[in-house]
Amino acid sequence: MRLAVLASGSGTLLDAMATAGLPIALVMVDRRCAVQDVAARHGIDCELVERSDFTDGFDRDSFTKQVVAALEQHDIDLVAMAGWGTILSSAAFEAFPGRIINTHPALLPSFKGWHGVRDALEAGVKVTGCTVHVATEAVDDGPILAQEAVPVLPEDDEASLHERIKEVERRLYTQTIAEILERGTVT
């Protein structure tokens, strides 16, 4: 299976994947970001499909078609989102049915959305964690592939808790992707 990683941020997940030896065929970014430097450091091809519109009028369908075309041009079989900042439209899920995976910093189905760590703290839970799941059109709603709990400590703030979740996430996501690649199928 040819693996692509879609990312938009600092590149810590990408770095963990590449350091673990995952055979990443392509990295794609939707904005200029540190991920590009991480990909270059590991010698991985990186393609920018730039999102330039962040207004309510953003043409999500057109952008998604550009992303899908680039992935198909590189013969990608499995897509791993790693901090990818743009929600994709149905075209992505039609092109890669059941083959787009994501990680989320909470124990789904609890605390879906962009602020899972903050929402867990505000709810006062004693345990949260991370989830690796199949991505679907509904955000943070696909079948769960792996989860691991992280305790919420009394002194935690959003930054400290999120960093501890990221430590688990980098290991669990990389391990889950390696297992998918070994099996040759997501489930």
C-alpha atoms as a PDB file:
ATOM      1  CA  MET A   1       0.000   0.000   0.000  1.00  0.00           C
ATOM      2  CA  ARG A   2       1.300   3.462  -0.890  1.00  0.00           C
ATOM      3  CA  LEU A   3       0.887   5.816   2.063  1.00  0.00           C
ATOM      4  CA  ALA A   4       0.303   9.565   1.968  1.00  0.00           C
ATOM      5  CA  VAL A   5       0.322  11.779   5.049  1.00  0.00           C
ATOM      6  CA  LEU A   6      -1.787  14.948   5.022  1.00  0.00           C
ATOM      7  CA  ALA A   7      -0.606  17.517   7.551  1.00  0.00           C
ATOM      8  CA  SER A   8      -0.826  21.232   8.278  1.00  0.00           C
ATOM      9  CA  GLY A   9       1.149  21.961  11.412  1.00  0.00           C
ATOM     10  CA  SER A  10       4.384  21.326  13.245  1.00  0.00           C
ATOM     11  CA  GLY A  11       5.042  17.869  11.823  1.00  0.00           C
ATOM     12  CA  THR A  12       5.545  15.940  15.065  1.00  0.00           C
ATOM     13  CA  LEU A  13       3.280  13.092  13.924  1.00  0.00           C
ATOM     14  CA  LEU A  14       4.999  12.961  10.540  1.00  0.00           C
ATOM     15  CA  ASP A  15       8.395  12.924  12.247  1.00  0.00           C
ATOM     16  CA  ALA A  16       7.328  10.001  14.466  1.00  0.00           C
ATOM     17  CA  MET A  17       6.017   8.065  11.457  1.00  0.00           C
ATOM     18  CA  ALA A  18       9.133   8.648   9.365  1.00  0.00           C
ATOM     19  CA  THR A  19      11.497   7.936  12.268  1.00  0.00           C
ATOM     20  CA  ALA A  20       9.693   4.617  12.833  1.00  0.00           C
ATOM     21  CA  GLY A  21      10.363   3.722   9.209  1.00  0.00           C
ATOM     22  CA  LEU A  22       6.849   3.898   7.797  1.00  0.00           C
ATOM     23  CA  PRO A  23       7.132   3.879   3.979  1.00  0.00           C
ATOM     24  CA  ILE A  24       5.596   7.295   3.289  1.00  0.00           C
ATOM     25  CA  ALA A  25       5.268   7.884  -0.440  1.00  0.00           C
ATOM     26  CA  LEU A  26       3.972  11.445  -0.204  1.00  0.00           C
ATOM     27  CA  VAL A  27       3.356  14.226   2.279  1.00  0.00           C
ATOM     28  CA  MET A  28       0.708  16.787   1.384  1.00  0.00           C
ATOM     29  CA  VAL A  29       0.199  20.149   3.066  1.00  0.00           C
ATOM     30  CA  ASP A  30      -2.631  22.643   2.629  1.00  0.00           C
ATOM     31  CA  ARG A  31      -0.526  25.634   3.748  1.00  0.00           C
ATOM     32  CA  ARG A  32       3.117  26.512   4.177  1.00  0.00           C
ATOM     33  CA  CYS A  33       4.147  25.001   7.504  1.00  0.00           C
ATOM     34  CA  ALA A  34       6.871  23.186   9.442  1.00  0.00           C
ATOM     35  CA  VAL A  35       5.692  19.857   8.009  1.00  0.00           C
ATOM     36  CA  GLN A  36       7.488  20.749   4.779  1.00  0.00           C
ATOM     37  CA  ASP A  37      10.810  20.965   6.637  1.00  0.00           C
ATOM     38  CA  VAL A  38      10.161  17.654   8.411  1.00  0.00           C
ATOM     39  CA  ALA A  39       9.386  15.951   5.087  1.00  0.00           C
ATOM     40  CA  ALA A  40      12.555  17.391   3.524  1.00  0.00           C
ATOM     41  CA  ARG A  41      14.667  16.253   6.480  1.00  0.00           C
ATOM     42  CA  HIS A  42      13.394  12.689   5.966  1.00  0.00           C
ATOM     43  CA  GLY A  43      13.729  12.842   2.169  1.00  0.00           C
ATOM     44  CA  ILE A  44       9.982  12.455   1.557  1.00  0.00           C
ATOM     45  CA  ASP A  45       8.277  14.117  -1.407  1.00  0.00           C
ATOM     46  CA  CYS A  46       6.028  16.936  -0.217  1.00  0.00           C
ATOM     47  CA  GLU A  47       3.301  18.563  -2.266  1.00  0.00           C
ATOM     48  CA  LEU A  48       1.530  21.812  -1.443  1.00  0.00           C
ATOM     49  CA  VAL A  49      -2.146  22.025  -2.404  1.00  0.00           C
ATOM     50  CA  GLU A  50      -2.630  25.435  -0.945  1.00  0.00           C
ATOM     51  CA  ARG A  51      -5.847  26.552   0.631  1.00  0.00           C
ATOM     52  CA  SER A  52      -5.929  30.291   0.089  1.00  0.00           C
ATOM     53  CA  ASP A  53      -9.546  30.948   1.052  1.00  0.00           C
ATOM     54  CA  PHE A  54     -10.588  30.783   4.700  1.00  0.00           C
ATOM     55  CA  THR A  55     -13.912  32.604   4.283  1.00  0.00           C
ATOM     56  CA  ASP A  56     -17.441  31.195   4.517  1.00  0.00           C
ATOM     57  CA  GLY A  57     -17.421  31.081   0.698  1.00  0.00           C
ATOM     58  CA  PHE A  58     -14.576  28.537   0.595  1.00  0.00           C
ATOM     59  CA  ASP A  59     -15.136  26.064  -2.255  1.00  0.00           C
ATOM     60  CA  ARG A  60     -14.524  22.846  -0.313  1.00  0.00           C
ATOM     61  CA  ASP A  61     -15.532  20.642  -3.249  1.00  0.00           C
ATOM     62  CA  SER A  62     -13.063  22.232  -5.654  1.00  0.00           C
ATOM     63  CA  PHE A  63     -10.254  22.103  -3.088  1.00  0.00           C
ATOM     64  CA  THR A  64     -10.999  18.444  -2.295  1.00  0.00           C
ATOM     65  CA  LYS A  65     -10.908  17.544  -5.987  1.00  0.00           C
ATOM     66  CA  GLN A  66      -7.407  19.083  -6.205  1.00  0.00           C
ATOM     67  CA  VAL A  67      -6.289  17.028  -3.201  1.00  0.00           C
ATOM     68  CA  VAL A  68      -7.765  13.817  -4.652  1.00  0.00           C
ATOM     69  CA  ALA A  69      -6.178  14.460  -8.065  1.00  0.00           C
ATOM     70  CA  ALA A  70      -2.751  14.907  -6.472  1.00  0.00           C
ATOM     71  CA  LEU A  71      -3.155  11.741  -4.381  1.00  0.00           C
ATOM     72  CA  GLU A  72      -4.276   9.745  -7.415  1.00  0.00           C
ATOM     73  CA  GLN A  73      -1.365  11.100  -9.466  1.00  0.00           C
ATOM     74  CA  HIS A  74       0.962   9.525  -6.871  1.00  0.00           C
ATOM     75  CA  ASP A  75      -0.969   6.192  -6.854  1.00  0.00           C
ATOM     76  CA  ILE A  76      -1.821   6.526  -3.153  1.00  0.00           C
ATOM     77  CA  ASP A  77      -3.712   3.666  -1.484  1.00  0.00           C
ATOM     78  CA  LEU A  78      -3.899   4.824   2.147  1.00  0.00           C
ATOM     79  CA  VAL A  79      -4.269   8.389   3.445  1.00  0.00           C
ATOM     80  CA  ALA A  80      -3.288   9.287   7.016  1.00  0.00           C
ATOM     81  CA  MET A  81      -4.355  12.706   8.246  1.00  0.00           C
ATOM     82  CA  ALA A  82      -1.905  14.065  10.794  1.00  0.00           C
ATOM     83  CA  GLY A  83      -3.081  17.461  11.944  1.00  0.00           C
ATOM     84  CA  TRP A  84      -4.602  18.251   8.529  1.00  0.00           C
ATOM     85  CA  GLY A  85      -6.445  21.542   8.906  1.00  0.00           C
ATOM     86  CA  THR A  86      -9.076  21.373   6.157  1.00  0.00           C
ATOM     87  CA  ILE A  87     -12.210  19.236   6.292  1.00  0.00           C
ATOM     88  CA  LEU A  88     -12.545  17.401   2.979  1.00  0.00           C
ATOM     89  CA  SER A  89     -15.781  16.957   1.045  1.00  0.00           C
ATOM     90  CA  SER A  90     -17.363  13.708  -0.138  1.00  0.00           C
ATOM     91  CA  ALA A  91     -15.074  13.412  -3.186  1.00  0.00           C
ATOM     92  CA  ALA A  92     -12.190  12.313  -0.937  1.00  0.00           C
ATOM     93  CA  PHE A  93     -14.227   9.609   0.771  1.00  0.00           C
ATOM     94  CA  GLU A  94     -15.576   8.384  -2.567  1.00  0.00           C
ATOM     95  CA  ALA A  95     -12.052   8.184  -4.036  1.00  0.00           C
ATOM     96  CA  PHE A  96     -10.574   6.456  -0.948  1.00  0.00           C
ATOM     97  CA  PRO A  97     -13.515   4.601   0.655  1.00  0.00           C
ATOM     98  CA  GLY A  98     -12.528   3.372   4.109  1.00  0.00           C
ATOM     99  CA  ARG A  99      -8.875   4.220   3.370  1.00  0.00           C
ATOM    100  CA  ILE A 100      -8.560   7.622   5.029  1.00  0.00           C
ATOM    101  CA  ILE A 101      -7.570   7.448   8.670  1.00  0.00           C
ATOM    102  CA  ASN A 102      -7.217  10.095  11.325  1.00  0.00           C
ATOM    103  CA  THR A 103      -6.201  10.548  14.926  1.00  0.00           C
ATOM    104  CA  HIS A 104      -8.090  12.567  17.510  1.00  0.00           C
ATOM    105  CA  PRO A 105      -6.947  13.775  20.969  1.00  0.00           C
ATOM    106  CA  ALA A 106      -9.872  12.306  22.924  1.00  0.00           C
ATOM    107  CA  LEU A 107     -11.550   8.970  23.476  1.00  0.00           C
ATOM    108  CA  LEU A 108     -14.183   9.079  20.765  1.00  0.00           C
ATOM    109  CA  PRO A 109     -17.110   9.228  20.616  1.00  0.00           C
ATOM    110  CA  SER A 110     -16.592  11.802  23.392  1.00  0.00           C
ATOM    111  CA  PHE A 111     -15.275  15.291  22.678  1.00  0.00           C
ATOM    112  CA  LYS A 112     -15.430  15.388  18.897  1.00  0.00           C
ATOM    113  CA  GLY A 113     -14.177  18.404  17.010  1.00  0.00           C
ATOM    114  CA  TRP A 114     -11.209  20.732  16.973  1.00  0.00           C
ATOM    115  CA  HIS A 115     -11.057  21.323  20.767  1.00  0.00           C
ATOM    116  CA  GLY A 116     -11.200  17.791  22.191  1.00  0.00           C
ATOM    117  CA  VAL A 117      -8.569  18.419  24.866  1.00  0.00           C
ATOM    118  CA  ARG A 118     -10.125  21.666  26.068  1.00  0.00           C
ATOM    119  CA  ASP A 119     -13.593  20.133  26.042  1.00  0.00           C
ATOM    120  CA  ALA A 120     -12.421  17.141  28.115  1.00  0.00           C
ATOM    121  CA  LEU A 121     -10.887  19.470  30.706  1.00  0.00           C
ATOM    122  CA  GLU A 122     -14.030  21.609  30.846  1.00  0.00           C
ATOM    123  CA  ALA A 123     -16.154  18.480  31.357  1.00  0.00           C
ATOM    124  CA  GLY A 124     -14.015  17.502  34.322  1.00  0.00           C
ATOM    125  CA  VAL A 125     -13.242  13.960  33.150  1.00  0.00           C
ATOM    126  CA  LYS A 126     -10.564  12.000  34.988  1.00  0.00           C
ATOM    127  CA  VAL A 127      -9.439  10.104  31.879  1.00  0.00           C
ATOM    128  CA  THR A 128      -9.196  11.123  28.244  1.00  0.00           C
ATOM    129  CA  GLY A 129      -6.817   9.869  25.564  1.00  0.00           C
ATOM    130  CA  CYS A 130      -6.485   9.480  21.836  1.00  0.00           C
ATOM    131  CA  THR A 131      -8.337   7.603  19.135  1.00  0.00           C
ATOM    132  CA  VAL A 132      -7.241   6.372  15.725  1.00  0.00           C
ATOM    133  CA  HIS A 133     -10.256   6.013  13.460  1.00  0.00           C
ATOM    134  CA  VAL A 134     -11.410   5.713   9.882  1.00  0.00           C
ATOM    135  CA  ALA A 135     -12.256   9.207   8.689  1.00  0.00           C
ATOM    136  CA  THR A 136     -15.703   9.809   7.236  1.00  0.00           C
ATOM    137  CA  GLU A 137     -17.611  12.844   6.012  1.00  0.00           C
ATOM    138  CA  ALA A 138     -18.934  13.270   9.545  1.00  0.00           C
ATOM    139  CA  VAL A 139     -16.061  14.717  11.574  1.00  0.00           C
ATOM    140  CA  ASP A 140     -14.576  12.337  14.175  1.00  0.00           C
ATOM    141  CA  ASP A 141     -17.328   9.800  13.552  1.00  0.00           C
ATOM    142  CA  GLY A 142     -15.771   6.839  11.710  1.00  0.00           C
ATOM    143  CA  PRO A 143     -15.063   3.330  12.960  1.00  0.00           C
ATOM    144  CA  ILE A 144     -12.520   3.212  15.785  1.00  0.00           C
ATOM    145  CA  LEU A 145      -9.280   1.353  15.003  1.00  0.00           C
ATOM    146  CA  ALA A 146      -7.352   1.960  18.247  1.00  0.00           C
ATOM    147  CA  GLN A 147      -7.628   3.938  21.486  1.00  0.00           C
ATOM    148  CA  GLU A 148      -5.447   4.555  24.484  1.00  0.00           C
ATOM    149  CA  ALA A 149      -6.330   6.294  27.725  1.00  0.00           C
ATOM    150  CA  VAL A 150      -4.395   9.190  29.250  1.00  0.00           C
ATOM    151  CA  PRO A 151      -5.175  10.249  32.836  1.00  0.00           C
ATOM    152  CA  VAL A 152      -6.110  13.855  33.503  1.00  0.00           C
ATOM    153  CA  LEU A 153      -3.889  15.098  36.318  1.00  0.00           C
ATOM    154  CA  PRO A 154      -5.075  17.688  38.866  1.00  0.00           C
ATOM    155  CA  GLU A 155      -2.438  20.194  37.702  1.00  0.00           C
ATOM    156  CA  ASP A 156      -3.197  19.756  33.976  1.00  0.00           C
ATOM    157  CA  ASP A 157      -3.987  22.672  31.746  1.00  0.00           C
ATOM    158  CA  GLU A 158      -4.824  22.312  28.062  1.00  0.00           C
ATOM    159  CA  ALA A 159      -1.177  22.505  26.936  1.00  0.00           C
ATOM    160  CA  SER A 160       0.211  19.954  29.417  1.00  0.00           C
ATOM    161  CA  LEU A 161      -2.606  17.465  28.847  1.00  0.00           C
ATOM    162  CA  HIS A 162      -2.397  17.849  25.078  1.00  0.00           C
ATOM    163  CA  GLU A 163       1.354  17.197  25.127  1.00  0.00           C
ATOM    164  CA  ARG A 164       0.886  13.972  27.100  1.00  0.00           C
ATOM    165  CA  ILE A 165      -1.842  12.887  24.666  1.00  0.00           C
ATOM    166  CA  LYS A 166       0.470  13.680  21.727  1.00  0.00           C
ATOM    167  CA  GLU A 167       3.159  11.414  23.178  1.00  0.00           C
ATOM    168  CA  VAL A 168       0.706   8.503  23.178  1.00  0.00           C
ATOM    169  CA  GLU A 169      -0.748   9.557  19.832  1.00  0.00           C
ATOM    170  CA  ARG A 170       2.613   9.530  18.028  1.00  0.00           C
ATOM    171  CA  ARG A 171       3.229   5.932  19.126  1.00  0.00           C
ATOM    172  CA  LEU A 172      -0.333   4.605  18.729  1.00  0.00           C
ATOM    173  CA  TYR A 173      -0.964   6.192  15.321  1.00  0.00           C
ATOM    174  CA  THR A 174       2.362   4.993  13.939  1.00  0.00           C
ATOM    175  CA  GLN A 175       1.754   1.464  15.286  1.00  0.00           C
ATOM    176  CA  THR A 176      -1.782   1.371  13.858  1.00  0.00           C
ATOM    177  CA  ILE A 177      -0.599   2.511  10.416  1.00  0.00           C
ATOM    178  CA  ALA A 178       2.196  -0.089  10.457  1.00  0.00           C
ATOM    179  CA  GLU A 179      -0.376  -2.808  11.217  1.00  0.00           C
ATOM    180  CA  ILE A 180      -2.621  -1.598   8.362  1.00  0.00           C
ATOM    181  CA  LEU A 181       0.296  -1.647   5.949  1.00  0.00           C
ATOM    182  CA  GLU A 182       1.285  -5.134   7.092  1.00  0.00           C
ATOM    183  CA  ARG A 183      -2.285  -6.455   6.660  1.00  0.00           C
ATOM    184  CA  GLY A 184      -2.808  -4.599   3.391  1.00  0.00           C
ATOM    185  CA  THR A 185      -6.230  -3.427   4.521  1.00  0.00           C
ATOM    186  CA  VAL A 186      -7.601  -0.913   7.040  1.00  0.00           C
ATOM    187  CA  THR A 187      -9.930  -3.316   8.844  1.00  0.00           C
END
